[in-house]
Amino acid sequence: MTDIKYSVIIPVYNRPDEVSELLESLSRQTRTDFEVIIVEDGSSVRCDHVAEKYKPYVRLTYYFKKNEGPGPARNFGYALASGKYLVCFDSDCVIPPKYFDAVDQALQVQHLDAWGGADRAHENFTWLQRATGYTMSSFFTTGGIRGGRKRIGWFQPRSFNMGISREVYQKLGGFRFSRYAEDIEFSIRMKQAGFRTGLVEQAFVYHKRRTNFIQFFRQVFNFGRGRVLVGREYPGEIKLTHWFPLAFTGALPMLLLLFFISPTLFVTGAILLGLYLALIFVDALIVNRHLVVALLAVPSAIVQLTGYGLGFLKEKLKSYPS
């Protein structure tokens, strides 16, 4: 197994159809010096039959373990990996054929200990998935912290598309959190240990989002909770950017209140909100070149910001004695 350079670890929970798409994309890679380790995290709907289907095309092993969350599932895969580099993908990703070529070139030039790539929406995804994919990566909704050229602060690899050297794993031991911001916590420890992390722009993945706004709300709600959990461990890691969704969420009922208190201030606030949402629409239209996706990006941004903000608030309130 000495020809294995990359070990791909995929934690899975009740998503056999998505795993099939992911393995299909991995079977089309231009490089073959990688293995795939699927870790089924206590699913009731297993994907072992899907893994078996792709074994003739991908160097693949499948494991089933009790449910503990994505962090422990990735650590389980790390412990079994043979590669020099350990790569995590979420099960709802589709990987472009030249992903590992892009990583290989970047490692030669940047000499990274860990890397991450952006997530993009494929043209075959639903309009809503493309809209939520845009708002999750847009500078105007996240500060660009999930990848891309425009971003605030140092780059933190995220677990939907994260690679680390074996040295990072051996020194830091993988993920500490079981779920909710487990990748952020891991990235912080990488930085503290002096490892070099960076964005590899061409090592992007097509990342599917939830299929409706209710599911998307639940997802970002947990993201907001996760940021506070990170803040408890590392107080300096909650920045102004992370407070913005809560401020946005609080501003919405305040705007309604102003309608009754001060019509002038209400109009001013409504204009500012309208300009912000118009900016998102225009940018989404430029990025996606699709009118419906751009229109859906507006409610997607509202759901994302309010969901994250409320999750942030709920977890923050736990920090104070009752």
C-alpha atoms as a PDB file:
ATOM      1  CA  MET A   1       0.000   0.000   0.000  1.00  0.00           C
ATOM      2  CA  THR A   2       3.047   2.253  -0.306  1.00  0.00           C
ATOM      3  CA  ASP A   3       1.648   3.943  -3.405  1.00  0.00           C
ATOM      4  CA  ILE A   4      -1.146   5.564  -1.385  1.00  0.00           C
ATOM      5  CA  LYS A   5      -0.503   9.278  -0.993  1.00  0.00           C
ATOM      6  CA  TYR A   6      -3.986  10.405   0.054  1.00  0.00           C
ATOM      7  CA  SER A   7      -6.426   8.676   2.378  1.00  0.00           C
ATOM      8  CA  VAL A   8      -9.976   9.961   1.970  1.00  0.00           C
ATOM      9  CA  ILE A   9     -12.171   9.620   5.062  1.00  0.00           C
ATOM     10  CA  ILE A  10     -15.929   9.940   4.620  1.00  0.00           C
ATOM     11  CA  PRO A  11     -18.219   9.894   7.684  1.00  0.00           C
ATOM     12  CA  VAL A  12     -21.748   8.841   6.772  1.00  0.00           C
ATOM     13  CA  TYR A  13     -25.077   8.963   8.549  1.00  0.00           C
ATOM     14  CA  ASN A  14     -28.180   7.743   6.683  1.00  0.00           C
ATOM     15  CA  ARG A  15     -27.140   9.046   3.252  1.00  0.00           C
ATOM     16  CA  PRO A  16     -26.590   6.134   0.842  1.00  0.00           C
ATOM     17  CA  ASP A  17     -27.753   8.075  -2.240  1.00  0.00           C
ATOM     18  CA  GLU A  18     -25.332  10.924  -1.591  1.00  0.00           C
ATOM     19  CA  VAL A  19     -22.484   8.487  -0.965  1.00  0.00           C
ATOM     20  CA  SER A  20     -23.171   6.927  -4.352  1.00  0.00           C
ATOM     21  CA  GLU A  21     -22.731  10.302  -6.080  1.00  0.00           C
ATOM     22  CA  LEU A  22     -19.572  11.004  -4.092  1.00  0.00           C
ATOM     23  CA  LEU A  23     -18.003   7.624  -4.919  1.00  0.00           C
ATOM     24  CA  GLU A  24     -18.960   8.039  -8.553  1.00  0.00           C
ATOM     25  CA  SER A  25     -17.018  11.308  -8.650  1.00  0.00           C
ATOM     26  CA  LEU A  26     -14.034   9.738  -6.872  1.00  0.00           C
ATOM     27  CA  SER A  27     -13.987   6.917  -9.425  1.00  0.00           C
ATOM     28  CA  ARG A  28     -13.384   9.565 -12.110  1.00  0.00           C
ATOM     29  CA  GLN A  29     -10.300  11.170 -10.554  1.00  0.00           C
ATOM     30  CA  THR A  30      -7.317  11.713 -12.815  1.00  0.00           C
ATOM     31  CA  ARG A  31      -5.038  10.341 -10.088  1.00  0.00           C
ATOM     32  CA  THR A  32      -5.260   6.898  -8.512  1.00  0.00           C
ATOM     33  CA  ASP A  33      -2.813   7.208  -5.587  1.00  0.00           C
ATOM     34  CA  PHE A  34      -5.585   7.447  -2.991  1.00  0.00           C
ATOM     35  CA  GLU A  35      -7.750   5.185  -0.872  1.00  0.00           C
ATOM     36  CA  VAL A  36     -11.264   5.775   0.422  1.00  0.00           C
ATOM     37  CA  ILE A  37     -12.372   4.880   3.942  1.00  0.00           C
ATOM     38  CA  ILE A  38     -16.117   5.061   4.580  1.00  0.00           C
ATOM     39  CA  VAL A  39     -17.105   5.236   8.241  1.00  0.00           C
ATOM     40  CA  GLU A  40     -20.792   4.517   8.757  1.00  0.00           C
ATOM     41  CA  ASP A  41     -21.636   6.317  11.999  1.00  0.00           C
ATOM     42  CA  GLY A  42     -24.428   4.140  13.371  1.00  0.00           C
ATOM     43  CA  SER A  43     -26.805   4.687  10.454  1.00  0.00           C
ATOM     44  CA  SER A  44     -30.185   2.974  10.351  1.00  0.00           C
ATOM     45  CA  VAL A  45     -30.084   3.272   6.551  1.00  0.00           C
ATOM     46  CA  ARG A  46     -26.674   1.887   5.672  1.00  0.00           C
ATOM     47  CA  CYS A  47     -24.563   2.404   2.555  1.00  0.00           C
ATOM     48  CA  ASP A  48     -22.525  -0.829   2.637  1.00  0.00           C
ATOM     49  CA  HIS A  49     -24.208  -2.013  -0.567  1.00  0.00           C
ATOM     50  CA  VAL A  50     -23.206   1.244  -2.262  1.00  0.00           C
ATOM     51  CA  ALA A  51     -19.595   0.820  -1.135  1.00  0.00           C
ATOM     52  CA  GLU A  52     -19.558  -2.734  -2.451  1.00  0.00           C
ATOM     53  CA  LYS A  53     -20.706  -1.498  -5.858  1.00  0.00           C
ATOM     54  CA  TYR A  54     -17.737   0.856  -6.204  1.00  0.00           C
ATOM     55  CA  LYS A  55     -14.975  -1.419  -4.905  1.00  0.00           C
ATOM     56  CA  PRO A  56     -13.978  -2.454  -8.455  1.00  0.00           C
ATOM     57  CA  TYR A  57     -13.386   1.207  -9.340  1.00  0.00           C
ATOM     58  CA  VAL A  58     -12.020   2.772  -6.135  1.00  0.00           C
ATOM     59  CA  ARG A  59      -9.601   1.406  -3.525  1.00  0.00           C
ATOM     60  CA  LEU A  60     -12.217   1.370  -0.803  1.00  0.00           C
ATOM     61  CA  THR A  61     -12.887  -0.025   2.662  1.00  0.00           C
ATOM     62  CA  TYR A  62     -16.124   0.241   4.636  1.00  0.00           C
ATOM     63  CA  TYR A  63     -16.577   0.257   8.403  1.00  0.00           C
ATOM     64  CA  PHE A  64     -19.633   0.444  10.635  1.00  0.00           C
ATOM     65  CA  LYS A  65     -19.464   1.885  14.163  1.00  0.00           C
ATOM     66  CA  LYS A  66     -21.875   3.119  16.791  1.00  0.00           C
ATOM     67  CA  ASN A  67     -23.149   6.670  16.414  1.00  0.00           C
ATOM     68  CA  GLU A  68     -20.900   9.252  18.079  1.00  0.00           C
ATOM     69  CA  GLY A  69     -20.888  12.152  15.614  1.00  0.00           C
ATOM     70  CA  PRO A  70     -18.743  13.184  12.648  1.00  0.00           C
ATOM     71  CA  GLY A  71     -15.678  14.119  14.716  1.00  0.00           C
ATOM     72  CA  PRO A  72     -15.151  10.651  16.238  1.00  0.00           C
ATOM     73  CA  ALA A  73     -16.093   9.054  12.886  1.00  0.00           C
ATOM     74  CA  ARG A  74     -13.291  10.939  11.139  1.00  0.00           C
ATOM     75  CA  ASN A  75     -10.866  10.020  13.915  1.00  0.00           C
ATOM     76  CA  PHE A  76     -11.862   6.387  13.430  1.00  0.00           C
ATOM     77  CA  GLY A  77     -10.939   6.700   9.757  1.00  0.00           C
ATOM     78  CA  TYR A  78      -7.713   8.570  10.517  1.00  0.00           C
ATOM     79  CA  ALA A  79      -6.524   5.671  12.686  1.00  0.00           C
ATOM     80  CA  LEU A  80      -6.978   3.236   9.782  1.00  0.00           C
ATOM     81  CA  ALA A  81      -5.504   5.433   7.046  1.00  0.00           C
ATOM     82  CA  SER A  82      -2.353   4.514   5.112  1.00  0.00           C
ATOM     83  CA  GLY A  83      -1.713   7.752   3.235  1.00  0.00           C
ATOM     84  CA  LYS A  84       0.791  10.518   3.775  1.00  0.00           C
ATOM     85  CA  TYR A  85      -2.104  12.984   3.736  1.00  0.00           C
ATOM     86  CA  LEU A  86      -5.545  12.495   5.285  1.00  0.00           C
ATOM     87  CA  VAL A  87      -8.482  14.090   3.487  1.00  0.00           C
ATOM     88  CA  CYS A  88     -12.038  14.573   4.772  1.00  0.00           C
ATOM     89  CA  PHE A  89     -15.067  15.062   2.557  1.00  0.00           C
ATOM     90  CA  ASP A  90     -18.679  15.312   3.662  1.00  0.00           C
ATOM     91  CA  SER A  91     -20.939  12.652   2.200  1.00  0.00           C
ATOM     92  CA  ASP A  92     -22.971  15.292   0.328  1.00  0.00           C
ATOM     93  CA  CYS A  93     -20.003  16.430  -1.778  1.00  0.00           C
ATOM     94  CA  VAL A  94     -19.117  15.746  -5.399  1.00  0.00           C
ATOM     95  CA  ILE A  95     -15.416  15.939  -6.227  1.00  0.00           C
ATOM     96  CA  PRO A  96     -14.108  17.415  -9.521  1.00  0.00           C
ATOM     97  CA  PRO A  97     -11.848  15.008 -11.490  1.00  0.00           C
ATOM     98  CA  LYS A  98      -8.659  17.037 -10.987  1.00  0.00           C
ATOM     99  CA  TYR A  99      -9.036  17.664  -7.257  1.00  0.00           C
ATOM    100  CA  PHE A 100      -5.878  15.766  -6.268  1.00  0.00           C
ATOM    101  CA  ASP A 101      -3.899  17.301  -9.127  1.00  0.00           C
ATOM    102  CA  ALA A 102      -4.728  20.736  -7.713  1.00  0.00           C
ATOM    103  CA  VAL A 103      -3.708  19.666  -4.201  1.00  0.00           C
ATOM    104  CA  ASP A 104      -0.477  18.121  -5.439  1.00  0.00           C
ATOM    105  CA  GLN A 105       0.539  21.296  -7.245  1.00  0.00           C
ATOM    106  CA  ALA A 106      -0.299  23.465  -4.220  1.00  0.00           C
ATOM    107  CA  LEU A 107       1.664  21.279  -1.815  1.00  0.00           C
ATOM    108  CA  GLN A 108       4.757  21.589  -3.989  1.00  0.00           C
ATOM    109  CA  VAL A 109       4.525  25.375  -4.070  1.00  0.00           C
ATOM    110  CA  GLN A 110       3.015  26.327  -0.688  1.00  0.00           C
ATOM    111  CA  HIS A 111       4.397  23.496   1.480  1.00  0.00           C
ATOM    112  CA  LEU A 112       1.194  23.292   3.520  1.00  0.00           C
ATOM    113  CA  ASP A 113       0.631  21.093   6.561  1.00  0.00           C
ATOM    114  CA  ALA A 114      -3.126  21.389   6.130  1.00  0.00           C
ATOM    115  CA  TRP A 115      -5.391  22.779   3.456  1.00  0.00           C
ATOM    116  CA  GLY A 116      -8.973  23.420   2.637  1.00  0.00           C
ATOM    117  CA  GLY A 117     -10.878  24.329  -0.483  1.00  0.00           C
ATOM    118  CA  ALA A 118     -14.019  26.231  -1.266  1.00  0.00           C
ATOM    119  CA  ASP A 119     -17.426  24.676  -1.784  1.00  0.00           C
ATOM    120  CA  ARG A 120     -19.316  25.435  -4.959  1.00  0.00           C
ATOM    121  CA  ALA A 121     -22.753  24.632  -6.286  1.00  0.00           C
ATOM    122  CA  HIS A 122     -22.868  22.442  -9.374  1.00  0.00           C
ATOM    123  CA  GLU A 123     -25.080  23.517 -12.259  1.00  0.00           C
ATOM    124  CA  ASN A 124     -27.023  20.246 -11.858  1.00  0.00           C
ATOM    125  CA  PHE A 125     -27.966  21.038  -8.253  1.00  0.00           C
ATOM    126  CA  THR A 126     -31.454  22.357  -7.542  1.00  0.00           C
ATOM    127  CA  TRP A 127     -32.013  26.111  -7.627  1.00  0.00           C
ATOM    128  CA  LEU A 128     -32.374  26.148  -3.847  1.00  0.00           C
ATOM    129  CA  GLN A 129     -29.155  24.177  -3.308  1.00  0.00           C
ATOM    130  CA  ARG A 130     -27.329  26.607  -5.556  1.00  0.00           C
ATOM    131  CA  ALA A 131     -28.794  29.562  -3.660  1.00  0.00           C
ATOM    132  CA  THR A 132     -27.875  28.197  -0.229  1.00  0.00           C
ATOM    133  CA  GLY A 133     -24.453  27.254  -1.574  1.00  0.00           C
ATOM    134  CA  TYR A 134     -23.955  30.853  -2.628  1.00  0.00           C
ATOM    135  CA  THR A 135     -25.022  32.381   0.689  1.00  0.00           C
ATOM    136  CA  MET A 136     -22.883  29.924   2.664  1.00  0.00           C
ATOM    137  CA  SER A 137     -19.751  31.058   0.826  1.00  0.00           C
ATOM    138  CA  SER A 138     -20.528  34.694   0.010  1.00  0.00           C
ATOM    139  CA  PHE A 139     -18.408  37.471   1.478  1.00  0.00           C
ATOM    140  CA  PHE A 140     -21.604  39.462   2.080  1.00  0.00           C
ATOM    141  CA  THR A 141     -23.132  36.836   4.383  1.00  0.00           C
ATOM    142  CA  THR A 142     -20.170  35.085   6.032  1.00  0.00           C
ATOM    143  CA  GLY A 143     -17.250  37.471   5.593  1.00  0.00           C
ATOM    144  CA  GLY A 144     -15.775  34.837   3.288  1.00  0.00           C
ATOM    145  CA  ILE A 145     -14.696  32.719   6.270  1.00  0.00           C
ATOM    146  CA  ARG A 146     -15.727  29.495   4.515  1.00  0.00           C
ATOM    147  CA  GLY A 147     -13.199  29.888   1.716  1.00  0.00           C
ATOM    148  CA  GLY A 148     -12.479  32.033  -1.284  1.00  0.00           C
ATOM    149  CA  ARG A 149     -10.159  34.917  -2.024  1.00  0.00           C
ATOM    150  CA  LYS A 150     -12.155  37.446  -0.027  1.00  0.00           C
ATOM    151  CA  ARG A 151     -12.257  36.541   3.612  1.00  0.00           C
ATOM    152  CA  ILE A 152     -11.787  38.002   7.075  1.00  0.00           C
ATOM    153  CA  GLY A 153      -9.031  36.517   9.271  1.00  0.00           C
ATOM    154  CA  TRP A 154      -6.707  33.545   8.782  1.00  0.00           C
ATOM    155  CA  PHE A 155      -7.871  30.562   6.777  1.00  0.00           C
ATOM    156  CA  GLN A 156      -9.484  27.733   8.727  1.00  0.00           C
ATOM    157  CA  PRO A 157      -9.903  24.455   6.811  1.00  0.00           C
ATOM    158  CA  ARG A 158     -13.436  23.096   7.112  1.00  0.00           C
ATOM    159  CA  SER A 159     -14.221  19.401   7.342  1.00  0.00           C
ATOM    160  CA  PHE A 160     -16.398  19.203   4.229  1.00  0.00           C
ATOM    161  CA  ASN A 161     -13.122  19.658   2.297  1.00  0.00           C
ATOM    162  CA  MET A 162     -10.085  19.373   4.574  1.00  0.00           C
ATOM    163  CA  GLY A 163      -6.688  17.780   4.168  1.00  0.00           C
ATOM    164  CA  ILE A 164      -3.955  17.350   6.779  1.00  0.00           C
ATOM    165  CA  SER A 165      -0.508  15.789   6.812  1.00  0.00           C
ATOM    166  CA  ARG A 166       0.068  12.671   8.863  1.00  0.00           C
ATOM    167  CA  GLU A 167       2.310  14.758  11.110  1.00  0.00           C
ATOM    168  CA  VAL A 168      -0.651  16.993  12.038  1.00  0.00           C
ATOM    169  CA  TYR A 169      -2.697  13.947  13.007  1.00  0.00           C
ATOM    170  CA  GLN A 170       0.123  12.349  14.968  1.00  0.00           C
ATOM    171  CA  LYS A 171       0.786  15.519  16.944  1.00  0.00           C
ATOM    172  CA  LEU A 172      -2.781  16.757  17.504  1.00  0.00           C
ATOM    173  CA  GLY A 173      -4.765  13.524  17.495  1.00  0.00           C
ATOM    174  CA  GLY A 174      -7.611  14.629  15.248  1.00  0.00           C
ATOM    175  CA  PHE A 175     -10.951  16.106  16.290  1.00  0.00           C
ATOM    176  CA  ARG A 176     -11.874  16.850  19.913  1.00  0.00           C
ATOM    177  CA  PHE A 177     -15.501  17.933  19.443  1.00  0.00           C
ATOM    178  CA  SER A 178     -17.971  15.242  18.398  1.00  0.00           C
ATOM    179  CA  ARG A 179     -20.098  17.675  16.362  1.00  0.00           C
ATOM    180  CA  TYR A 180     -20.846  21.399  15.958  1.00  0.00           C
ATOM    181  CA  ALA A 181     -17.734  23.329  14.890  1.00  0.00           C
ATOM    182  CA  GLU A 182     -15.425  20.363  15.403  1.00  0.00           C
ATOM    183  CA  ASP A 183     -13.456  21.441  12.323  1.00  0.00           C
ATOM    184  CA  ILE A 184     -13.014  25.009  13.593  1.00  0.00           C
ATOM    185  CA  GLU A 185     -11.664  23.765  16.919  1.00  0.00           C
ATOM    186  CA  PHE A 186      -9.242  21.449  15.094  1.00  0.00           C
ATOM    187  CA  SER A 187      -8.074  24.284  12.821  1.00  0.00           C
ATOM    188  CA  ILE A 188      -7.385  26.510  15.828  1.00  0.00           C
ATOM    189  CA  ARG A 189      -5.181  23.855  17.386  1.00  0.00           C
ATOM    190  CA  MET A 190      -3.307  23.517  14.092  1.00  0.00           C
ATOM    191  CA  LYS A 191      -2.539  27.211  14.168  1.00  0.00           C
ATOM    192  CA  GLN A 192      -1.508  27.140  17.806  1.00  0.00           C
ATOM    193  CA  ALA A 193       0.846  24.221  17.115  1.00  0.00           C
ATOM    194  CA  GLY A 194       2.563  26.209  14.367  1.00  0.00           C
ATOM    195  CA  PHE A 195       1.306  24.197  11.399  1.00  0.00           C
ATOM    196  CA  ARG A 196       0.883  26.022   8.108  1.00  0.00           C
ATOM    197  CA  THR A 197      -2.697  26.034   6.791  1.00  0.00           C
ATOM    198  CA  GLY A 198      -3.910  27.509   3.538  1.00  0.00           C
ATOM    199  CA  LEU A 199      -6.613  27.729   0.916  1.00  0.00           C
ATOM    200  CA  VAL A 200      -6.123  25.764  -2.297  1.00  0.00           C
ATOM    201  CA  GLU A 201      -8.470  27.588  -4.638  1.00  0.00           C
ATOM    202  CA  GLN A 202      -8.612  24.919  -7.331  1.00  0.00           C
ATOM    203  CA  ALA A 203      -9.199  22.125  -4.815  1.00  0.00           C
ATOM    204  CA  PHE A 204     -12.886  22.960  -4.553  1.00  0.00           C
ATOM    205  CA  VAL A 205     -15.772  20.550  -4.176  1.00  0.00           C
ATOM    206  CA  TYR A 206     -19.384  20.699  -5.264  1.00  0.00           C
ATOM    207  CA  HIS A 207     -21.199  20.734  -1.941  1.00  0.00           C
ATOM    208  CA  LYS A 208     -24.880  19.990  -1.795  1.00  0.00           C
ATOM    209  CA  ARG A 209     -26.928  21.862   0.775  1.00  0.00           C
ATOM    210  CA  ARG A 210     -30.230  20.955   2.355  1.00  0.00           C
ATOM    211  CA  THR A 211     -33.208  20.507   0.074  1.00  0.00           C
ATOM    212  CA  ASN A 212     -35.536  22.956   1.836  1.00  0.00           C
ATOM    213  CA  PHE A 213     -35.289  26.041   4.031  1.00  0.00           C
ATOM    214  CA  ILE A 214     -36.393  24.219   7.199  1.00  0.00           C
ATOM    215  CA  GLN A 215     -33.493  21.759   6.924  1.00  0.00           C
ATOM    216  CA  PHE A 216     -31.146  24.606   6.050  1.00  0.00           C
ATOM    217  CA  PHE A 217     -32.310  26.580   9.098  1.00  0.00           C
ATOM    218  CA  ARG A 218     -31.584  23.625  11.391  1.00  0.00           C
ATOM    219  CA  GLN A 219     -28.127  23.221   9.897  1.00  0.00           C
ATOM    220  CA  VAL A 220     -27.079  26.844  10.322  1.00  0.00           C
ATOM    221  CA  PHE A 221     -28.710  26.962  13.774  1.00  0.00           C
ATOM    222  CA  ASN A 222     -26.223  24.289  14.828  1.00  0.00           C
ATOM    223  CA  PHE A 223     -23.402  26.246  13.185  1.00  0.00           C
ATOM    224  CA  GLY A 224     -24.275  29.180  15.416  1.00  0.00           C
ATOM    225  CA  ARG A 225     -24.232  26.955  18.484  1.00  0.00           C
ATOM    226  CA  GLY A 226     -20.907  25.536  17.421  1.00  0.00           C
ATOM    227  CA  ARG A 227     -19.249  28.934  17.202  1.00  0.00           C
ATOM    228  CA  VAL A 228     -20.137  29.636  20.841  1.00  0.00           C
ATOM    229  CA  LEU A 229     -18.781  26.234  21.869  1.00  0.00           C
ATOM    230  CA  VAL A 230     -15.505  27.169  20.187  1.00  0.00           C
ATOM    231  CA  GLY A 231     -15.573  30.529  21.958  1.00  0.00           C
ATOM    232  CA  ARG A 232     -15.777  28.822  25.336  1.00  0.00           C
ATOM    233  CA  GLU A 233     -12.571  26.928  24.594  1.00  0.00           C
ATOM    234  CA  TYR A 234     -10.846  29.819  22.823  1.00  0.00           C
ATOM    235  CA  PRO A 235     -12.383  33.157  23.909  1.00  0.00           C
ATOM    236  CA  GLY A 236     -10.480  35.188  21.332  1.00  0.00           C
ATOM    237  CA  GLU A 237     -11.977  33.226  18.435  1.00  0.00           C
ATOM    238  CA  ILE A 238     -15.377  34.933  18.469  1.00  0.00           C
ATOM    239  CA  LYS A 239     -14.948  37.904  16.146  1.00  0.00           C
ATOM    240  CA  LEU A 240     -17.227  40.717  15.046  1.00  0.00           C
ATOM    241  CA  THR A 241     -18.139  38.672  11.974  1.00  0.00           C
ATOM    242  CA  HIS A 242     -19.655  35.981  14.181  1.00  0.00           C
ATOM    243  CA  TRP A 243     -21.863  38.504  15.986  1.00  0.00           C
ATOM    244  CA  PHE A 244     -23.268  39.891  12.733  1.00  0.00           C
ATOM    245  CA  PRO A 245     -25.996  37.204  12.278  1.00  0.00           C
ATOM    246  CA  LEU A 246     -27.246  37.842  15.821  1.00  0.00           C
ATOM    247  CA  ALA A 247     -27.274  41.597  15.197  1.00  0.00           C
ATOM    248  CA  PHE A 248     -29.173  41.014  11.935  1.00  0.00           C
ATOM    249  CA  THR A 249     -31.646  38.725  13.703  1.00  0.00           C
ATOM    250  CA  GLY A 250     -32.252  41.266  16.455  1.00  0.00           C
ATOM    251  CA  ALA A 251     -32.652  44.091  13.957  1.00  0.00           C
ATOM    252  CA  LEU A 252     -35.663  42.468  12.258  1.00  0.00           C
ATOM    253  CA  PRO A 253     -38.083  42.707  15.222  1.00  0.00           C
ATOM    254  CA  MET A 254     -36.630  46.117  16.063  1.00  0.00           C
ATOM    255  CA  LEU A 255     -37.518  47.253  12.561  1.00  0.00           C
ATOM    256  CA  LEU A 256     -41.127  46.116  13.058  1.00  0.00           C
ATOM    257  CA  LEU A 257     -41.237  47.948  16.372  1.00  0.00           C
ATOM    258  CA  LEU A 258     -40.023  51.141  14.715  1.00  0.00           C
ATOM    259  CA  PHE A 259     -43.022  50.997  12.393  1.00  0.00           C
ATOM    260  CA  PHE A 260     -45.185  51.886  15.385  1.00  0.00           C
ATOM    261  CA  ILE A 261     -42.726  54.119  17.247  1.00  0.00           C
ATOM    262  CA  SER A 262     -40.994  56.164  14.564  1.00  0.00           C
ATOM    263  CA  PRO A 263     -42.078  55.908  10.918  1.00  0.00           C
ATOM    264  CA  THR A 264     -39.035  57.940   9.853  1.00  0.00           C
ATOM    265  CA  LEU A 265     -36.572  55.537  11.471  1.00  0.00           C
ATOM    266  CA  PHE A 266     -38.605  52.625  10.134  1.00  0.00           C
ATOM    267  CA  VAL A 267     -38.240  53.900   6.571  1.00  0.00           C
ATOM    268  CA  THR A 268     -34.504  54.433   7.056  1.00  0.00           C
ATOM    269  CA  GLY A 269     -34.059  50.931   8.446  1.00  0.00           C
ATOM    270  CA  ALA A 270     -36.190  49.396   5.699  1.00  0.00           C
ATOM    271  CA  ILE A 271     -34.098  51.153   3.042  1.00  0.00           C
ATOM    272  CA  LEU A 272     -30.857  49.879   4.586  1.00  0.00           C
ATOM    273  CA  LEU A 273     -32.225  46.340   4.775  1.00  0.00           C
ATOM    274  CA  GLY A 274     -33.456  46.584   1.206  1.00  0.00           C
ATOM    275  CA  LEU A 275     -30.068  47.793  -0.029  1.00  0.00           C
ATOM    276  CA  TYR A 276     -28.290  44.942   1.757  1.00  0.00           C
ATOM    277  CA  LEU A 277     -30.622  42.315   0.301  1.00  0.00           C
ATOM    278  CA  ALA A 278     -30.372  43.944  -3.127  1.00  0.00           C
ATOM    279  CA  LEU A 279     -26.589  43.688  -2.895  1.00  0.00           C
ATOM    280  CA  ILE A 280     -26.903  39.967  -2.191  1.00  0.00           C
ATOM    281  CA  PHE A 281     -29.284  39.547  -5.125  1.00  0.00           C
ATOM    282  CA  VAL A 282     -27.002  41.360  -7.560  1.00  0.00           C
ATOM    283  CA  ASP A 283     -23.892  39.508  -6.411  1.00  0.00           C
ATOM    284  CA  ALA A 284     -25.702  36.155  -6.571  1.00  0.00           C
ATOM    285  CA  LEU A 285     -26.857  36.995 -10.081  1.00  0.00           C
ATOM    286  CA  ILE A 286     -23.297  37.813 -11.141  1.00  0.00           C
ATOM    287  CA  VAL A 287     -21.867  34.693  -9.529  1.00  0.00           C
ATOM    288  CA  ASN A 288     -24.543  32.216 -10.632  1.00  0.00           C
ATOM    289  CA  ARG A 289     -25.843  33.894 -13.808  1.00  0.00           C
ATOM    290  CA  HIS A 290     -29.302  32.616 -12.995  1.00  0.00           C
ATOM    291  CA  LEU A 291     -32.265  34.815 -12.085  1.00  0.00           C
ATOM    292  CA  VAL A 292     -34.165  32.260  -9.986  1.00  0.00           C
ATOM    293  CA  VAL A 293     -31.050  31.310  -8.010  1.00  0.00           C
ATOM    294  CA  ALA A 294     -30.380  35.004  -7.356  1.00  0.00           C
ATOM    295  CA  LEU A 295     -33.972  35.519  -6.187  1.00  0.00           C
ATOM    296  CA  LEU A 296     -33.751  32.505  -3.875  1.00  0.00           C
ATOM    297  CA  ALA A 297     -30.455  33.800  -2.491  1.00  0.00           C
ATOM    298  CA  VAL A 298     -32.356  36.591  -0.738  1.00  0.00           C
ATOM    299  CA  PRO A 299     -34.568  34.372   1.497  1.00  0.00           C
ATOM    300  CA  SER A 300     -31.621  31.976   1.808  1.00  0.00           C
ATOM    301  CA  ALA A 301     -29.522  34.778   3.305  1.00  0.00           C
ATOM    302  CA  ILE A 302     -32.309  35.677   5.733  1.00  0.00           C
ATOM    303  CA  VAL A 303     -32.744  32.038   6.816  1.00  0.00           C
ATOM    304  CA  GLN A 304     -28.992  31.612   7.160  1.00  0.00           C
ATOM    305  CA  LEU A 305     -28.411  34.734   9.220  1.00  0.00           C
ATOM    306  CA  THR A 306     -31.423  34.275  11.501  1.00  0.00           C
ATOM    307  CA  GLY A 307     -30.782  30.555  11.962  1.00  0.00           C
ATOM    308  CA  TYR A 308     -27.134  31.120  12.843  1.00  0.00           C
ATOM    309  CA  GLY A 309     -28.024  34.100  15.010  1.00  0.00           C
ATOM    310  CA  LEU A 310     -30.635  32.217  17.032  1.00  0.00           C
ATOM    311  CA  GLY A 311     -28.341  29.223  17.470  1.00  0.00           C
ATOM    312  CA  PHE A 312     -25.578  31.573  18.592  1.00  0.00           C
ATOM    313  CA  LEU A 313     -27.959  33.247  21.045  1.00  0.00           C
ATOM    314  CA  LYS A 314     -29.301  29.978  22.465  1.00  0.00           C
ATOM    315  CA  GLU A 315     -25.824  28.634  23.184  1.00  0.00           C
ATOM    316  CA  LYS A 316     -24.616  32.007  24.436  1.00  0.00           C
ATOM    317  CA  LEU A 317     -27.423  32.141  27.007  1.00  0.00           C
ATOM    318  CA  LYS A 318     -26.135  28.888  28.470  1.00  0.00           C
ATOM    319  CA  SER A 319     -22.996  30.739  29.461  1.00  0.00           C
ATOM    320  CA  TYR A 320     -24.910  32.775  32.023  1.00  0.00           C
ATOM    321  CA  PRO A 321     -26.280  31.400  35.310  1.00  0.00           C
ATOM    322  CA  SER A 322     -30.064  31.130  35.494  1.00  0.00           C
END
